[in-house]
Amino acid sequence: MTHAEDLQKAAQDHLWMHFTRHGSYAGGEVPMIVRGEGAYIYDDHGKRYLDGLAGLFVVQAGHGRSELAEAAAKQAQELAFFPLWSYAHPKAVELAARLAEAAPGDLNRVFFTTGGGEAVETAWKLAKQYFKLTGKPLKHKVISRQIAYHGTPHGALSITGIPPFKQAFEPLVPGSIRVPNTNHYRADEISGIPGMSPEQYGRWAADRVAAAIEMEGPDTVAAVFVEPVQNAGGCFPPPPGYFERLREICDRYDVLLVSDEVICAYGRLGTMFGGQKFGYVPDIITSAKGLTSGYSPLGAMICSDRLFEPFSSGTEMFAHGFTFGGHPVSAAVALANLDLFEREDLLGHVTRNESIFRSTLEKLYDLPIVGDVRGSGYFWGIELVKDKKTKETFSADESERLLRGFLSKALFDAGLYCRADDRGDPVIQLAPPLIAGPKEFDEIESILRGVLTEAWARL
């Protein structure tokens, strides 16, 4: 057997892939990605694909950046590992200071994790303990939005608003409440009020948070978890005024506003942090993914000074941590990644090209299957429909045949790695590396046009 054949057999026999229907590979090949360069990836047959999802909303600076690999190697030779359990090391300190400087408001305290789910878990635990220490011990519940994805650990999964992801693992952590999301394309059916403008719908959706807090009892609600642009369901940007109203509500009820920016931070929307794109200052930011451009795993919870204050003196401790949180190599890579952001002005590049990306994708509106194009920065969703006029969506069986039976493989075979998703209504999600530009946008549009035209013909 060749090395490639050995790898295929080992993948089939031993590797348990994440969120994967392994039965779909029975008797066939597992796709094997072996190399990346810029905005492209290559499989073990040498075929090139445009990475339309930046790996998993991660590879901001693009593939094959030698300076990030060199930063990792240099740090590993100097100090490969030491925990942050009562000790510090220089790279974690430098990175914490740099993130605090970049974060909005008084978000000056950084707690490192190894990924986004851990950052969300950390935020909920901190919210619970903070209120216990400040004389409000009943405040432990969290509010999140329908179809929102916040991670897979038991706490983060409890906050997640996608029932099929949760059912196999119940019972989960109690105290999580769901409110409507900001999908204005489906505002009529979500709200039951036809014809609302984006501003009216934003106000209505934010006010549902206030209603949920009142229903649960303000003395029991600790936090609201929201993404700047909601991922699951297909890139729901906030309607105008939504976050201003949500900030007012959280302040009124003494509820922490947690901005889950695992996807939206570090340039994905053209700003360092997602909340900055929409003009709000949260109490906590959860982040990961793009912090290192994926060259080493790292996450961070960044919180306001007041949330750290009860732990700043005396004997009180936040009894929480991770062995590899703030790993020296990961922190060194993150610092080099942020240097690269500044040197190449990646935030400015996204801001300058956002409207071009949008207008290129909006060319697809002439296809009968494309109902909505929405998003922000380099983070876009295309909702697929059976009827553009009525916005009729696909049934569960139709969606299964459309997305998994055809689109996912057809897009990949055509040279585009992206996500065809039906955690809400069927969508295609796009989030290329931040180095991408009009050339890559045109390639994305061309591939989508061909595959979606064929998909419609098959219906």
Protein backbone atom coordinates (compact mmCIF):
# COMPACT_ATOMS: atom_id res chain seq x y z
CA MET A 1 0.00 0.00 0.00
CA THR A 2 1.12 3.56 -0.65
CA HIS A 3 1.42 6.08 2.17
CA ALA A 4 -1.83 7.72 1.00
CA GLU A 5 -3.61 4.37 1.10
CA ASP A 6 -2.21 3.71 4.58
CA LEU A 7 -3.55 7.06 5.75
CA GLN A 8 -6.98 6.35 4.29
CA LYS A 9 -7.16 2.99 6.05
CA ALA A 10 -6.02 4.51 9.34
CA ALA A 11 -8.61 7.27 9.00
CA GLN A 12 -11.34 4.71 8.39
CA ASP A 13 -10.19 2.44 11.23
CA HIS A 14 -9.11 4.85 13.98
CA LEU A 15 -9.96 8.53 13.52
CA TRP A 16 -13.19 9.78 15.08
CA MET A 17 -13.98 13.02 13.25
CA HIS A 18 -16.03 15.80 14.81
CA PHE A 19 -19.69 16.40 13.84
CA THR A 20 -19.28 13.68 11.20
CA ARG A 21 -21.62 11.02 9.84
CA HIS A 22 -19.00 8.33 9.47
CA GLY A 23 -21.41 6.12 7.59
CA SER A 24 -21.22 8.53 4.68
CA TYR A 25 -17.61 7.44 4.07
CA ALA A 26 -18.29 3.70 4.12
CA GLY A 27 -16.57 2.29 1.06
CA GLY A 28 -15.30 5.73 0.02
CA GLU A 29 -12.45 8.10 0.73
CA VAL A 30 -12.22 10.45 3.69
CA PRO A 31 -11.26 13.87 2.26
CA MET A 32 -7.62 14.41 3.26
CA ILE A 33 -6.30 17.99 3.34
CA VAL A 34 -2.52 18.02 3.38
CA ARG A 35 -1.39 21.57 2.65
CA GLY A 36 -2.48 25.20 2.66
CA GLU A 37 -1.21 28.32 0.94
CA GLY A 38 -2.81 31.74 1.19
CA ALA A 39 -6.58 31.39 0.69
CA TYR A 40 -6.28 27.85 -0.72
CA ILE A 41 -5.98 24.29 0.57
CA TYR A 42 -4.81 21.14 -1.22
CA ASP A 43 -5.86 17.52 -0.82
CA ASP A 44 -3.73 14.39 -0.98
CA HIS A 45 -4.38 14.13 -4.74
CA GLY A 46 -2.94 17.60 -5.31
CA LYS A 47 -6.31 19.21 -6.05
CA ARG A 48 -6.69 22.85 -5.01
CA TYR A 49 -9.74 24.28 -3.22
CA LEU A 50 -10.60 27.82 -2.24
CA ASP A 51 -10.92 27.86 1.55
CA GLY A 52 -14.24 29.67 1.76
CA LEU A 53 -14.58 29.06 5.50
CA ALA A 54 -11.05 29.90 6.73
CA GLY A 55 -10.86 26.33 8.06
CA LEU A 56 -13.65 26.93 10.57
CA PHE A 57 -13.80 30.75 10.75
CA VAL A 58 -10.20 30.57 11.98
CA VAL A 59 -7.37 31.10 9.48
CA GLN A 60 -7.58 34.91 9.34
CA ALA A 61 -4.04 35.49 8.05
CA GLY A 62 -4.23 32.67 5.51
CA HIS A 63 -2.39 29.38 5.24
CA GLY A 64 1.36 28.88 5.10
CA ARG A 65 2.47 31.94 7.08
CA SER A 66 6.05 31.07 7.97
CA GLU A 67 6.35 33.88 10.53
CA LEU A 68 3.66 32.27 12.68
CA ALA A 69 5.32 28.85 12.47
CA GLU A 70 8.65 30.43 13.36
CA ALA A 71 7.15 32.20 16.38
CA ALA A 72 5.87 28.85 17.63
CA ALA A 73 9.22 27.12 17.13
CA LYS A 74 11.18 29.88 18.84
CA GLN A 75 8.90 29.88 21.88
CA ALA A 76 8.91 26.07 22.14
CA GLN A 77 12.69 26.11 22.35
CA GLU A 78 12.65 28.79 25.06
CA LEU A 79 9.68 27.68 27.21
CA ALA A 80 7.48 24.99 25.74
CA PHE A 81 4.99 24.84 28.59
CA PHE A 82 4.13 26.25 31.96
CA PRO A 83 0.66 26.60 33.50
CA LEU A 84 -0.95 29.84 34.60
CA TRP A 85 -1.96 28.26 37.90
CA SER A 86 -0.49 30.83 40.34
CA TYR A 87 2.42 31.51 37.99
CA ALA A 88 2.82 33.75 34.95
CA HIS A 89 5.01 33.58 31.88
CA PRO A 90 5.99 36.54 29.66
CA LYS A 91 4.03 35.73 26.52
CA ALA A 92 0.72 35.31 28.39
CA VAL A 93 1.32 38.61 30.20
CA GLU A 94 2.19 40.44 26.96
CA LEU A 95 -0.82 39.02 25.16
CA ALA A 96 -3.22 39.83 28.01
CA ALA A 97 -2.02 43.44 28.03
CA ARG A 98 -2.35 43.70 24.27
CA LEU A 99 -5.90 42.32 24.24
CA ALA A 100 -6.92 44.60 27.10
CA GLU A 101 -5.61 47.59 25.18
CA ALA A 102 -7.57 46.58 22.08
CA ALA A 103 -10.80 45.68 23.88
CA PRO A 104 -13.54 48.30 24.34
CA GLY A 105 -14.44 50.03 27.58
CA ASP A 106 -12.91 48.71 30.78
CA LEU A 107 -12.53 45.11 29.59
CA ASN A 108 -9.04 44.83 31.04
CA ARG A 109 -8.86 41.34 32.53
CA VAL A 110 -8.05 38.33 30.33
CA PHE A 111 -8.61 34.68 31.28
CA PHE A 112 -7.03 32.31 28.75
CA THR A 113 -8.56 29.03 27.60
CA THR A 114 -7.72 26.66 24.76
CA GLY A 115 -10.87 27.26 22.71
CA GLY A 116 -14.21 29.00 22.35
CA GLY A 117 -16.43 26.54 24.19
CA GLU A 118 -14.13 26.83 27.21
CA ALA A 119 -14.31 30.63 27.01
CA VAL A 120 -18.13 30.47 27.07
CA GLU A 121 -18.01 28.02 29.96
CA THR A 122 -15.67 30.38 31.81
CA ALA A 123 -17.98 33.36 31.28
CA TRP A 124 -21.02 31.59 32.71
CA LYS A 125 -19.09 30.33 35.74
CA LEU A 126 -17.69 33.80 36.37
CA ALA A 127 -21.15 35.36 36.15
CA LYS A 128 -22.51 32.91 38.72
CA GLN A 129 -19.69 33.40 41.19
CA TYR A 130 -19.56 37.17 40.73
CA PHE A 131 -23.18 37.59 41.74
CA LYS A 132 -22.77 35.24 44.69
CA LEU A 133 -19.86 37.34 45.91
CA THR A 134 -21.75 40.61 45.46
CA GLY A 135 -24.85 39.68 47.41
CA LYS A 136 -27.12 38.40 44.65
CA PRO A 137 -26.76 34.62 45.02
CA LEU A 138 -29.93 33.73 43.06
CA LYS A 139 -28.65 35.26 39.82
CA HIS A 140 -27.47 32.23 37.85
CA LYS A 141 -29.67 31.89 34.74
CA VAL A 142 -28.61 32.85 31.23
CA ILE A 143 -30.57 34.00 28.19
CA SER A 144 -29.50 33.21 24.63
CA ARG A 145 -31.12 33.26 21.21
CA GLN A 146 -32.91 30.60 19.20
CA ILE A 147 -30.68 28.54 16.88
CA ALA A 148 -27.56 30.17 18.38
CA TYR A 149 -24.48 27.95 18.77
CA HIS A 150 -22.25 28.60 21.79
CA GLY A 151 -20.18 25.42 22.07
CA THR A 152 -20.20 21.77 23.09
CA PRO A 153 -19.17 21.55 26.80
CA HIS A 154 -22.21 20.91 28.99
CA GLY A 155 -22.58 24.53 30.09
CA ALA A 156 -21.99 26.02 26.66
CA LEU A 157 -24.26 23.39 25.11
CA SER A 158 -27.00 24.37 27.54
CA ILE A 159 -26.74 27.94 26.27
CA THR A 160 -26.82 26.71 22.66
CA GLY A 161 -30.25 27.12 21.05
CA ILE A 162 -30.20 24.18 18.62
CA PRO A 163 -32.37 21.36 20.04
CA PRO A 164 -31.01 18.49 17.87
CA PHE A 165 -27.48 19.15 19.15
CA LYS A 166 -28.63 18.86 22.76
CA GLN A 167 -31.08 15.98 22.94
CA ALA A 168 -28.51 13.16 23.08
CA PHE A 169 -26.73 14.78 26.04
CA GLU A 170 -29.61 15.77 28.29
CA PRO A 171 -30.04 16.49 31.11
CA LEU A 172 -27.90 19.57 30.70
CA VAL A 173 -27.11 22.47 33.03
CA PRO A 174 -30.39 24.06 34.18
CA GLY A 175 -31.12 27.75 33.92
CA SER A 176 -30.84 28.54 30.21
CA ILE A 177 -33.67 30.47 28.52
CA ARG A 178 -34.22 31.14 24.81
CA VAL A 179 -35.41 34.32 23.05
CA PRO A 180 -35.93 35.15 19.33
CA ASN A 181 -32.91 35.82 17.13
CA THR A 182 -32.29 38.72 14.73
CA ASN A 183 -33.22 37.02 11.45
CA HIS A 184 -35.09 39.90 9.84
CA TYR A 185 -35.66 37.85 6.67
CA ARG A 186 -38.00 35.67 8.75
CA ALA A 187 -39.27 38.50 10.98
CA ASP A 188 -42.93 38.08 10.04
CA GLU A 189 -43.11 34.44 11.10
CA ILE A 190 -40.84 34.88 14.14
CA SER A 191 -42.72 37.84 15.57
CA GLY A 192 -46.19 37.22 14.18
CA ILE A 193 -46.24 40.92 13.23
CA PRO A 194 -46.11 41.46 9.46
CA GLY A 195 -44.20 44.24 7.77
CA MET A 196 -41.83 45.42 10.50
CA SER A 197 -38.85 47.48 9.40
CA PRO A 198 -35.39 46.31 10.50
CA GLU A 199 -35.40 48.97 13.23
CA GLN A 200 -38.83 47.91 14.49
CA TYR A 201 -37.85 44.25 14.45
CA GLY A 202 -34.60 45.00 16.29
CA ARG A 203 -36.54 46.78 19.03
CA TRP A 204 -39.07 43.96 19.20
CA ALA A 205 -36.35 41.27 19.42
CA ALA A 206 -34.40 43.12 22.11
CA ASP A 207 -37.58 43.68 24.12
CA ARG A 208 -38.15 39.92 24.17
CA VAL A 209 -35.01 39.74 26.32
CA ALA A 210 -36.56 42.17 28.80
CA ALA A 211 -39.75 40.11 28.80
CA ALA A 212 -37.76 36.92 29.49
CA ILE A 213 -35.92 38.57 32.38
CA GLU A 214 -39.22 39.70 33.88
CA MET A 215 -40.74 36.25 33.40
CA GLU A 216 -37.83 34.48 35.11
CA GLY A 217 -37.41 37.16 37.74
CA PRO A 218 -34.62 39.76 37.50
CA ASP A 219 -33.06 38.46 40.71
CA THR A 220 -32.42 35.10 39.02
CA VAL A 221 -30.90 36.14 35.66
CA ALA A 222 -27.13 36.56 35.51
CA ALA A 223 -26.26 37.07 31.85
CA VAL A 224 -27.37 37.38 28.24
CA PHE A 225 -25.16 35.61 25.66
CA VAL A 226 -25.29 36.98 22.10
CA GLU A 227 -23.03 36.91 19.05
CA PRO A 228 -22.50 40.21 17.17
CA VAL A 229 -23.52 38.34 14.00
CA GLN A 230 -25.23 35.06 14.87
CA ASN A 231 -23.55 32.11 13.21
CA ALA A 232 -26.00 29.19 13.28
CA GLY A 233 -29.00 29.74 11.07
CA GLY A 234 -26.88 31.61 8.57
CA CYS A 235 -25.21 34.88 9.61
CA PHE A 236 -27.89 37.06 11.25
CA PRO A 237 -26.58 40.63 11.62
CA PRO A 238 -28.21 42.83 14.25
CA PRO A 239 -30.93 45.22 13.08
CA PRO A 240 -30.17 48.91 13.70
CA GLY A 241 -30.58 49.84 17.36
CA TYR A 242 -30.70 46.24 18.59
CA PHE A 243 -27.54 46.27 20.66
CA GLU A 244 -28.15 49.79 22.00
CA ARG A 245 -31.50 48.59 23.31
CA LEU A 246 -30.02 45.33 24.63
CA ARG A 247 -27.35 47.25 26.54
CA GLU A 248 -30.06 49.41 28.15
CA ILE A 249 -32.02 46.32 29.18
CA CYS A 250 -29.01 44.58 30.71
CA ASP A 251 -28.08 47.71 32.66
CA ARG A 252 -31.64 48.16 33.92
CA TYR A 253 -31.82 44.64 35.35
CA ASP A 254 -28.15 44.28 36.41
CA VAL A 255 -27.62 41.46 33.91
CA LEU A 256 -24.23 40.91 32.29
CA LEU A 257 -24.05 41.32 28.53
CA VAL A 258 -21.74 38.61 27.15
CA SER A 259 -20.61 39.11 23.57
CA ASP A 260 -19.72 35.68 22.20
CA GLU A 261 -17.13 36.61 19.60
CA VAL A 262 -15.51 33.23 19.04
CA ILE A 263 -16.17 33.80 15.34
CA CYS A 264 -16.66 37.57 15.13
CA ALA A 265 -13.50 38.80 16.91
CA TYR A 266 -10.04 39.34 15.41
CA GLY A 267 -10.99 40.92 12.13
CA ARG A 268 -13.82 38.73 10.88
CA LEU A 269 -16.12 41.77 10.71
CA GLY A 270 -13.35 44.28 9.95
CA THR A 271 -12.85 45.32 13.59
CA MET A 272 -10.67 43.76 16.25
CA PHE A 273 -13.75 42.85 18.29
CA GLY A 274 -17.19 42.25 16.84
CA GLY A 275 -19.03 44.55 19.22
CA GLN A 276 -16.96 47.46 17.93
CA LYS A 277 -18.57 47.01 14.51
CA PHE A 278 -21.99 47.70 16.01
CA GLY A 279 -21.08 50.23 18.69
CA TYR A 280 -21.72 48.38 21.94
CA VAL A 281 -19.53 47.61 24.94
CA PRO A 282 -20.28 44.25 26.62
CA ASP A 283 -19.32 43.16 30.12
CA ILE A 284 -17.57 40.04 28.83
CA ILE A 285 -16.13 38.99 25.48
CA THR A 286 -15.57 35.32 24.71
CA SER A 287 -13.14 34.65 21.88
CA ALA A 288 -10.84 32.09 20.25
CA LYS A 289 -10.39 30.94 16.61
CA GLY A 290 -8.83 33.91 14.80
CA LEU A 291 -6.69 34.96 17.77
CA THR A 292 -3.87 32.76 16.45
CA SER A 293 -5.20 32.33 12.90
CA GLY A 294 -5.41 28.66 13.89
CA TYR A 295 -1.65 28.11 14.04
CA SER A 296 -2.00 27.02 17.67
CA PRO A 297 -5.10 26.57 19.86
CA LEU A 298 -6.03 29.46 22.15
CA GLY A 299 -9.14 31.13 23.53
CA ALA A 300 -9.72 34.08 25.82
CA MET A 301 -12.47 35.44 28.05
CA ILE A 302 -12.03 39.19 28.46
CA CYS A 303 -14.04 40.86 31.22
CA SER A 304 -14.60 44.26 32.76
CA ASP A 305 -12.65 45.43 35.79
CA ARG A 306 -15.71 45.26 38.04
CA LEU A 307 -16.07 41.52 37.49
CA PHE A 308 -12.50 40.94 38.65
CA GLU A 309 -12.78 43.27 41.64
CA PRO A 310 -14.15 40.68 44.14
CA PHE A 311 -11.12 38.48 43.36
CA SER A 312 -8.51 41.24 43.48
CA SER A 313 -7.78 41.08 47.22
CA GLY A 314 -8.20 38.83 50.22
CA THR A 315 -8.54 35.07 49.89
CA GLU A 316 -11.29 34.79 47.24
CA MET A 317 -10.46 32.60 44.23
CA PHE A 318 -12.06 31.78 40.88
CA ALA A 319 -11.66 28.01 41.17
CA HIS A 320 -11.50 27.40 37.46
CA GLY A 321 -8.82 26.78 34.85
CA PHE A 322 -7.37 24.64 32.07
CA THR A 323 -3.98 22.94 31.85
CA PHE A 324 -3.24 24.39 28.43
CA GLY A 325 -5.00 27.75 28.83
CA GLY A 326 -2.59 30.51 27.82
CA HIS A 327 -0.03 28.00 26.56
CA PRO A 328 3.31 29.78 25.95
CA VAL A 329 3.56 28.62 22.33
CA SER A 330 -0.03 29.64 21.58
CA ALA A 331 0.44 33.03 23.22
CA ALA A 332 3.61 33.63 21.20
CA VAL A 333 1.76 32.74 18.00
CA ALA A 334 -1.10 35.07 18.92
CA LEU A 335 1.29 37.96 19.43
CA ALA A 336 2.94 37.28 16.07
CA ASN A 337 -0.51 37.03 14.49
CA LEU A 338 -1.54 40.42 15.89
CA ASP A 339 1.75 41.88 14.63
CA LEU A 340 0.86 40.55 11.20
CA PHE A 341 -2.62 42.13 11.46
CA GLU A 342 -1.03 45.52 12.02
CA ARG A 343 1.74 45.14 9.46
CA GLU A 344 -0.64 44.14 6.67
CA ASP A 345 -3.64 46.20 7.86
CA LEU A 346 -5.97 43.20 7.70
CA LEU A 347 -8.77 45.08 9.46
CA GLY A 348 -8.60 47.84 6.87
CA HIS A 349 -8.45 45.26 4.09
CA VAL A 350 -11.70 43.67 5.28
CA THR A 351 -13.40 47.05 5.68
CA ARG A 352 -12.35 48.18 2.20
CA ASN A 353 -13.51 44.93 0.57
CA GLU A 354 -16.69 44.20 2.54
CA SER A 355 -19.00 45.97 0.09
CA ILE A 356 -17.30 44.25 -2.87
CA PHE A 357 -17.80 40.83 -1.25
CA ARG A 358 -21.43 41.61 -0.58
CA SER A 359 -22.18 42.92 -4.07
CA THR A 360 -20.44 39.91 -5.63
CA LEU A 361 -22.58 37.49 -3.62
CA GLU A 362 -25.72 39.53 -4.35
CA LYS A 363 -25.27 38.74 -8.05
CA LEU A 364 -26.68 35.33 -7.07
CA TYR A 365 -30.09 36.90 -6.41
CA ASP A 366 -30.94 36.18 -10.04
CA LEU A 367 -31.04 32.47 -9.18
CA PRO A 368 -34.50 31.20 -8.14
CA ILE A 369 -33.06 29.22 -5.22
CA VAL A 370 -31.41 32.24 -3.51
CA GLY A 371 -33.73 33.95 -1.04
CA ASP A 372 -31.44 36.11 1.10
CA VAL A 373 -27.83 37.26 1.25
CA ARG A 374 -26.82 38.60 4.67
CA GLY A 375 -23.86 39.10 6.94
CA SER A 376 -21.06 41.52 7.71
CA GLY A 377 -17.35 41.89 7.01
CA TYR A 378 -16.02 38.56 5.74
CA PHE A 379 -18.89 36.55 7.25
CA TRP A 380 -21.86 35.87 4.94
CA GLY A 381 -24.81 33.53 4.64
CA ILE A 382 -26.93 32.73 1.59
CA GLU A 383 -30.37 31.36 2.45
CA LEU A 384 -31.85 28.89 -0.02
CA VAL A 385 -35.61 28.78 -0.67
CA LYS A 386 -38.17 26.88 -2.73
CA ASP A 387 -40.09 30.05 -3.58
CA LYS A 388 -38.51 33.52 -3.55
CA LYS A 389 -41.85 35.33 -3.44
CA THR A 390 -43.33 33.49 -0.47
CA LYS A 391 -39.95 32.65 1.17
CA GLU A 392 -41.13 29.04 1.39
CA THR A 393 -38.32 26.90 2.78
CA PHE A 394 -37.49 23.25 2.24
CA SER A 395 -38.90 20.40 4.28
CA ALA A 396 -36.55 18.39 6.48
CA ASP A 397 -36.35 15.61 3.87
CA GLU A 398 -35.79 18.08 1.04
CA SER A 399 -33.10 19.87 3.03
CA GLU A 400 -31.38 16.57 3.74
CA ARG A 401 -31.32 15.69 0.05
CA LEU A 402 -30.31 19.20 -1.01
CA LEU A 403 -27.53 19.90 1.48
CA ARG A 404 -26.05 16.54 2.40
CA GLY A 405 -27.20 14.61 -0.63
CA PHE A 406 -25.86 17.09 -3.14
CA LEU A 407 -24.60 20.57 -2.23
CA SER A 408 -21.84 19.83 0.28
CA LYS A 409 -20.05 17.35 -1.97
CA ALA A 410 -20.80 19.22 -5.20
CA LEU A 411 -19.33 22.49 -3.88
CA PHE A 412 -16.22 20.69 -2.66
CA ASP A 413 -15.84 18.81 -5.93
CA ALA A 414 -16.13 22.14 -7.75
CA GLY A 415 -13.21 23.50 -5.74
CA LEU A 416 -14.91 25.44 -2.92
CA TYR A 417 -14.69 24.47 0.73
CA CYS A 418 -17.55 26.17 2.60
CA ARG A 419 -20.50 25.18 4.78
CA ALA A 420 -23.93 24.05 3.64
CA ASP A 421 -25.94 24.12 6.85
CA ASP A 422 -29.50 23.47 7.99
CA ARG A 423 -29.37 24.20 11.71
CA GLY A 424 -32.09 26.72 10.86
CA ASP A 425 -33.32 27.16 7.31
CA PRO A 426 -30.92 25.87 4.61
CA VAL A 427 -27.97 28.22 4.09
CA ILE A 428 -24.51 28.34 2.59
CA GLN A 429 -21.98 30.10 4.81
CA LEU A 430 -18.85 31.86 3.63
CA ALA A 431 -15.98 33.22 5.72
CA PRO A 432 -12.74 33.20 3.72
CA PRO A 433 -9.34 34.17 5.15
CA LEU A 434 -9.04 37.92 5.69
CA ILE A 435 -6.35 38.13 3.01
CA ALA A 436 -8.90 37.23 0.31
CA GLY A 437 -10.05 39.88 -2.16
CA PRO A 438 -12.10 40.46 -5.33
CA LYS A 439 -10.37 37.66 -7.25
CA GLU A 440 -11.39 35.10 -4.62
CA PHE A 441 -14.88 36.63 -4.33
CA ASP A 442 -15.41 36.17 -8.07
CA GLU A 443 -14.25 32.57 -7.85
CA ILE A 444 -16.66 31.91 -4.97
CA GLU A 445 -19.56 33.43 -6.91
CA SER A 446 -18.75 31.48 -10.06
CA ILE A 447 -18.61 28.14 -8.26
CA LEU A 448 -21.78 28.86 -6.27
CA ARG A 449 -23.62 29.90 -9.44
CA GLY A 450 -22.79 26.66 -11.21
CA VAL A 451 -23.59 24.36 -8.32
CA LEU A 452 -26.77 26.17 -7.22
CA THR A 453 -28.06 26.18 -10.81
CA GLU A 454 -27.59 22.43 -10.93
CA ALA A 455 -29.20 22.04 -7.49
CA TRP A 456 -32.30 23.90 -8.67
CA ALA A 457 -32.52 21.72 -11.77
CA ARG A 458 -32.49 18.64 -9.56
CA LEU A 459 -35.40 19.76 -7.37
